[in-house]
Every structure is written in structure tokens, then in C-alpha cells.
Amino acid sequence: MVEKQAGEQRIVVLGVGNLLMGDEGAGVRAVTELSRRYEMPPQVAVIDGGTMGIELLPWLDGCSHLLIVDAMQGEGVAGDCRRIAIDSPPSFFRNRSSPHQIGLADVLALAAMTDALPGAVTLLGIIPQRMDSGLELSGPVAAGMERLITMLVDELAGLGAPLVERVVVSA
């Protein structure tokens, strides 16, 4: 976990979803790729939340910004990316359709009750084409992943946490 000093921000980038359900795993795939490509500054923690629930609570304690990355239903076509600033996280996620988001709503409600709710919560999502069993992303979602990762990089830069690309040395 990233320790927060007084007056300092701590940002958690949380990828959620089920990798066994096609496009439903887009959030986890996006944060994995983000970590592969970029060095994280000390105030940023990237979490593969998968389908976890209450186990996420310690990561939220003391977090100033929570960026949730997920497949999300909405207007548009598969592969479109969206950014939503969330005013009331527990109630926002109660209305979602996937089971892991209901668990996330419970975690955020518990965080609110224990004064551990992050100061700001933002959802960065991609519209799925299919959410049935399978390990691969659909073509439109695979094509939209680059935009989602760029949105994450831009969001972190806007929060004062610019990322630096990793140097890849080939043999």
C-alpha cells in the first residue's frame, strides 16, 4: 500500500472485472497494461481488484482519489470510453448490472461509514460488446483499450501524478 503523509494525496487506480467473461475483464486488463508500460509515482497505487469485495477496503483508507476502471453499460457503441465523476459512489454502483460492482458498492458504503471513503471517485470505463464466457476481448473493446489507457494517463497527469514510460530493452 502507498502510505499517505499529512497534506499529501494518495491515488488508487483500481481495475475491476472478471477476466473469464470477455469484455467484462477490460478494467483489469487496462490497469495491467498501464503498469506494464509506465512507472508509477510514489503517490499512485495500481490495484488489480478483479472481482474482490471487502478485501479492497484497506486500499481505500486514506485515499484522496479513487480511479475505478471497468467495463460499463451506457449509450454509444462497443469500445467507446467514458469518464464519470461520481458524487455518491455507494448508490451509483448499486444500480449497475455486474455482480462485482454490487460488491464494490458494499465496500464503498462501508468506507463511507468508517470515514475511509476517498475524497474523489471517478469511473473510467469502456462499453462492452459481449460479457459471456471467454478469455478474449471483443474486437471493438480491444481496439478501444488504447483510448482507455490514454484516459488513465491523462487523468493521473491532471491529478499531479504524471507517468513516465518504462524503458524497454530488447535482447
Protein backbone atom coordinates (compact mmCIF):
# COMPACT_ATOMS: atom_id res chain seq x y z
CA MET A 1 0.00 0.00 0.00
CA VAL A 2 1.04 3.59 -0.53
CA GLU A 3 1.41 5.47 2.74
CA LYS A 4 -0.02 8.99 2.82
CA GLN A 5 1.79 11.80 4.58
CA ALA A 6 -0.21 14.70 6.07
CA GLY A 7 -1.42 17.05 3.32
CA GLU A 8 -0.31 14.67 0.56
CA GLN A 9 -2.55 12.99 -1.97
CA ARG A 10 -2.71 9.25 -2.47
CA ILE A 11 -4.29 7.95 -5.66
CA VAL A 12 -5.59 4.43 -6.15
CA VAL A 13 -6.18 3.14 -9.68
CA LEU A 14 -8.49 0.16 -9.32
CA GLY A 15 -9.16 -2.18 -12.23
CA VAL A 16 -12.22 -4.36 -11.70
CA GLY A 17 -13.84 -7.10 -13.73
CA ASN A 18 -13.81 -10.78 -14.49
CA LEU A 19 -11.13 -11.91 -16.95
CA LEU A 20 -13.11 -15.09 -17.67
CA MET A 21 -16.07 -13.11 -19.05
CA GLY A 22 -14.71 -11.48 -22.21
CA ASP A 23 -15.13 -7.69 -22.22
CA GLU A 24 -16.09 -7.75 -18.53
CA GLY A 25 -12.32 -8.06 -17.82
CA ALA A 26 -11.43 -4.81 -19.64
CA GLY A 27 -10.76 -2.85 -16.42
CA VAL A 28 -8.28 -5.39 -15.11
CA ARG A 29 -6.58 -5.64 -18.50
CA ALA A 30 -6.28 -1.84 -18.71
CA VAL A 31 -4.56 -1.42 -15.33
CA THR A 32 -2.26 -4.37 -16.05
CA GLU A 33 -1.19 -2.73 -19.30
CA LEU A 34 -0.82 0.65 -17.57
CA SER A 35 1.56 -0.91 -15.02
CA ARG A 36 3.48 -2.69 -17.75
CA ARG A 37 4.05 0.47 -19.78
CA TYR A 38 4.57 3.13 -17.11
CA GLU A 39 6.49 3.75 -13.89
CA MET A 40 4.09 4.78 -11.13
CA PRO A 41 4.94 7.80 -8.98
CA PRO A 42 5.10 7.11 -5.24
CA GLN A 43 1.62 8.52 -4.55
CA VAL A 44 -0.07 6.12 -7.01
CA ALA A 45 -1.07 2.52 -6.30
CA VAL A 46 -2.42 0.34 -9.11
CA ILE A 47 -4.65 -2.50 -7.94
CA ASP A 48 -5.96 -5.48 -9.89
CA GLY A 49 -9.24 -5.68 -7.99
CA GLY A 50 -10.67 -8.42 -10.20
CA THR A 51 -13.95 -9.40 -8.57
CA MET A 52 -12.79 -8.67 -4.99
CA GLY A 53 -15.08 -7.04 -2.48
CA ILE A 54 -14.35 -6.26 1.15
CA GLU A 55 -10.65 -7.08 0.65
CA LEU A 56 -10.35 -3.72 -1.12
CA LEU A 57 -11.24 -1.67 1.97
CA PRO A 58 -7.66 -1.22 3.30
CA TRP A 59 -6.61 0.26 -0.04
CA LEU A 60 -9.26 2.98 0.22
CA ASP A 61 -8.32 4.16 3.70
CA GLY A 62 -6.52 7.49 3.35
CA CYS A 63 -7.01 7.57 -0.42
CA SER A 64 -7.59 11.06 -1.81
CA HIS A 65 -8.60 9.91 -5.31
CA LEU A 66 -10.03 6.60 -6.45
CA LEU A 67 -9.99 5.89 -10.18
CA ILE A 68 -12.12 2.84 -10.98
CA VAL A 69 -11.52 1.24 -14.37
CA ASP A 70 -14.24 -1.09 -15.63
CA ALA A 71 -16.48 -2.23 -18.46
CA MET A 72 -19.63 -0.13 -18.24
CA GLN A 73 -23.02 -0.13 -19.88
CA GLY A 74 -24.07 3.11 -21.50
CA GLU A 75 -25.03 4.94 -24.64
CA GLY A 76 -22.71 4.56 -27.56
CA VAL A 77 -21.08 1.66 -29.30
CA ALA A 78 -18.81 -1.09 -28.03
CA GLY A 79 -15.30 0.22 -27.49
CA ASP A 80 -16.38 3.79 -26.64
CA CYS A 81 -14.74 5.12 -23.50
CA ARG A 82 -16.40 7.24 -20.81
CA ARG A 83 -15.36 9.26 -17.76
CA ILE A 84 -17.85 9.77 -14.94
CA ALA A 85 -17.13 11.74 -11.76
CA ILE A 86 -19.20 10.04 -9.06
CA ASP A 87 -20.80 12.13 -6.32
CA SER A 88 -22.35 9.27 -4.35
CA PRO A 89 -20.28 6.13 -5.01
CA PRO A 90 -22.25 3.59 -2.93
CA SER A 91 -25.58 4.43 -4.56
CA PHE A 92 -24.08 4.80 -8.06
CA PHE A 93 -22.72 1.24 -8.04
CA ARG A 94 -25.89 -0.28 -6.55
CA ASN A 95 -27.62 0.37 -9.88
CA ARG A 96 -25.07 -1.48 -12.01
CA SER A 97 -25.61 -4.86 -13.62
CA SER A 98 -22.50 -6.89 -12.83
CA PRO A 99 -22.08 -8.75 -9.53
CA HIS A 100 -18.61 -7.36 -8.73
CA GLN A 101 -19.97 -3.80 -8.82
CA ILE A 102 -22.54 -4.67 -6.17
CA GLY A 103 -19.64 -5.85 -4.01
CA LEU A 104 -17.84 -2.61 -4.79
CA ALA A 105 -20.94 -0.66 -3.66
CA ASP A 106 -20.82 -2.50 -0.34
CA VAL A 107 -17.12 -1.71 0.06
CA LEU A 108 -17.70 1.97 -0.70
CA ALA A 109 -20.67 2.08 1.70
CA LEU A 110 -18.52 0.55 4.44
CA ALA A 111 -15.74 3.03 3.61
CA ALA A 112 -18.27 5.87 3.98
CA MET A 113 -19.39 4.53 7.38
CA THR A 114 -15.80 4.33 8.63
CA ASP A 115 -14.71 7.70 7.18
CA ALA A 116 -12.41 5.90 4.73
CA LEU A 117 -14.28 6.96 1.57
CA PRO A 118 -11.90 8.61 -0.91
CA GLY A 119 -12.26 12.35 -1.39
CA ALA A 120 -12.96 11.90 -5.11
CA VAL A 121 -14.16 8.87 -7.09
CA THR A 122 -14.01 8.71 -10.88
CA LEU A 123 -15.09 5.88 -13.14
CA LEU A 124 -13.20 5.40 -16.39
CA GLY A 125 -14.97 2.80 -18.45
CA ILE A 126 -15.34 1.17 -21.81
CA ILE A 127 -18.60 -0.03 -23.33
CA PRO A 128 -18.51 -3.82 -23.79
CA GLN A 129 -19.74 -5.77 -26.78
CA ARG A 130 -20.03 -9.14 -25.08
CA MET A 131 -19.88 -10.30 -21.49
CA ASP A 132 -20.12 -14.04 -21.86
CA SER A 133 -17.55 -16.68 -21.00
CA GLY A 134 -14.29 -16.33 -22.87
CA LEU A 135 -10.77 -15.06 -22.30
CA GLU A 136 -10.53 -12.67 -25.26
CA LEU A 137 -11.78 -9.12 -25.59
CA SER A 138 -14.13 -8.42 -28.49
CA GLY A 139 -12.62 -6.57 -31.46
CA PRO A 140 -14.21 -3.19 -30.66
CA VAL A 141 -13.16 -3.31 -26.99
CA ALA A 142 -9.62 -4.45 -27.85
CA ALA A 143 -9.43 -1.51 -30.27
CA GLY A 144 -10.73 0.92 -27.59
CA MET A 145 -8.24 -0.16 -24.92
CA GLU A 146 -5.57 2.26 -26.15
CA ARG A 147 -8.00 5.17 -25.66
CA LEU A 148 -8.86 3.92 -22.15
CA ILE A 149 -5.19 3.73 -21.19
CA THR A 150 -4.60 7.23 -22.60
CA MET A 151 -7.53 8.47 -20.49
CA LEU A 152 -5.91 6.96 -17.40
CA VAL A 153 -2.55 8.57 -18.16
CA ASP A 154 -4.25 11.95 -18.74
CA GLU A 155 -6.35 11.63 -15.58
CA LEU A 156 -3.28 10.91 -13.46
CA ALA A 157 -1.37 13.81 -15.04
CA GLY A 158 -4.33 16.08 -14.23
CA LEU A 159 -4.11 14.96 -10.60
CA GLY A 160 -0.43 15.94 -10.47
CA ALA A 161 0.87 12.39 -10.92
CA PRO A 162 2.37 12.27 -14.42
CA LEU A 163 3.56 8.88 -15.57
CA VAL A 164 6.91 8.09 -17.17
CA GLU A 165 7.09 5.40 -19.84
CA ARG A 166 9.20 2.39 -18.94
CA VAL A 167 12.32 1.87 -20.98
CA VAL A 168 12.10 -1.48 -22.72
CA VAL A 169 15.43 -3.06 -23.57
CA SER A 170 15.23 -5.84 -26.10
CA ALA A 171 17.80 -8.61 -26.18
